[in-house]
Amino acid sequence: MIKRFLVQGFALNVNDSAYLVEVSPHVEGAEQFQDLGKLPAWIFQSKHAIWLAPINAALADRAIKGEQIKHRLIPFFKQKIKPQN
């Protein structure tokens, strides 16, 4: 099951069973997003979490870009949100 969160202008599609986070710039639309308080802690804590950016590139390049976005978001979460375990 995919959970969607809106964070600092980014849409996060989180797949708990695959430890996968697909991150993209948020474009205004009718999407439904979950409360950030329900964001799973593993997305920042797990060494196995994979962040992918939706760019038209090789998987490794998507992962590199996704990790860059992840590191941009970490300070926001440390200040504002305490993710669930």
Protein backbone atom coordinates (compact mmCIF):
# COMPACT_ATOMS: atom_id res chain seq x y z
CA MET A 1 0.00 0.00 0.00
CA ILE A 2 1.35 3.42 -0.98
CA LYS A 3 0.99 6.31 1.48
CA ARG A 4 1.29 9.90 0.22
CA PHE A 5 2.70 12.79 2.21
CA LEU A 6 3.28 16.44 1.31
CA VAL A 7 6.50 17.87 2.76
CA GLN A 8 8.15 21.21 2.02
CA GLY A 9 6.86 21.26 -1.56
CA PHE A 10 7.64 17.60 -2.23
CA ALA A 11 5.18 14.74 -2.66
CA LEU A 12 6.44 11.55 -0.98
CA ASN A 13 5.00 8.23 -2.10
CA VAL A 14 5.95 5.81 0.67
CA ASN A 15 5.83 2.01 0.25
CA ASP A 16 6.39 0.42 3.68
CA SER A 17 6.80 -3.15 2.42
CA ALA A 18 9.52 -2.20 -0.08
CA TYR A 19 11.25 0.48 2.03
CA LEU A 20 10.80 2.76 -0.95
CA VAL A 21 10.20 6.50 -1.08
CA GLU A 22 9.46 8.08 -4.45
CA VAL A 23 9.86 11.82 -4.12
CA SER A 24 8.83 14.48 -6.61
CA PRO A 25 8.12 18.21 -6.63
CA HIS A 26 4.49 18.74 -5.70
CA VAL A 27 2.23 20.01 -8.45
CA GLU A 28 -1.13 21.40 -7.37
CA GLY A 29 -3.90 18.89 -7.88
CA ALA A 30 -6.59 16.87 -6.17
CA GLU A 31 -4.24 14.41 -4.46
CA GLN A 32 -5.02 13.23 -0.95
CA PHE A 33 -2.12 13.42 1.50
CA GLN A 34 -1.81 11.84 4.92
CA ASP A 35 -1.03 13.64 8.17
CA LEU A 36 2.74 14.07 8.58
CA GLY A 37 2.41 12.68 12.10
CA LYS A 38 1.83 9.29 10.46
CA LEU A 39 5.08 9.40 8.52
CA PRO A 40 7.04 6.19 9.25
CA ALA A 41 10.35 6.71 11.06
CA TRP A 42 12.17 4.23 8.83
CA ILE A 43 12.27 6.65 5.89
CA PHE A 44 15.07 8.58 7.60
CA GLN A 45 16.42 5.95 9.99
CA SER A 46 16.75 2.79 7.91
CA LYS A 47 19.93 2.07 6.01
CA HIS A 48 17.79 0.04 3.62
CA ALA A 49 15.39 2.81 2.63
CA ILE A 50 15.59 3.74 -1.04
CA TRP A 51 14.67 7.25 -2.15
CA LEU A 52 14.02 7.70 -5.85
CA ALA A 53 13.49 10.90 -7.81
CA PRO A 54 11.15 10.73 -10.82
CA ILE A 55 13.67 11.75 -13.41
CA ASN A 56 14.16 10.05 -16.76
CA ALA A 57 17.52 8.50 -15.94
CA ALA A 58 19.20 5.29 -14.83
CA LEU A 59 18.06 3.84 -11.51
CA ALA A 60 21.36 4.76 -9.84
CA ASP A 61 20.95 8.40 -10.91
CA ARG A 62 17.38 8.44 -9.62
CA ALA A 63 18.64 7.10 -6.27
CA ILE A 64 21.41 9.71 -6.06
CA LYS A 65 18.95 12.54 -6.73
CA GLY A 66 16.46 11.01 -4.26
CA GLU A 67 19.13 10.89 -1.53
CA GLN A 68 19.98 14.54 -2.18
CA ILE A 69 16.35 15.49 -1.63
CA LYS A 70 16.20 13.31 1.50
CA HIS A 71 19.15 15.19 3.01
CA ARG A 72 17.45 18.52 2.23
CA LEU A 73 14.35 17.37 4.14
CA ILE A 74 16.06 15.92 7.23
CA PRO A 75 16.48 19.30 9.03
CA PHE A 76 12.77 20.04 8.56
CA PHE A 77 11.83 16.76 10.21
CA LYS A 78 14.23 17.20 13.09
CA GLN A 79 12.61 20.56 13.90
CA LYS A 80 8.94 20.01 13.16
CA ILE A 81 7.97 16.37 13.12
CA LYS A 82 8.55 13.30 15.18
CA PRO A 83 7.86 10.36 12.81
CA GLN A 84 6.11 7.23 14.08
CA ASN A 85 7.96 3.95 14.49
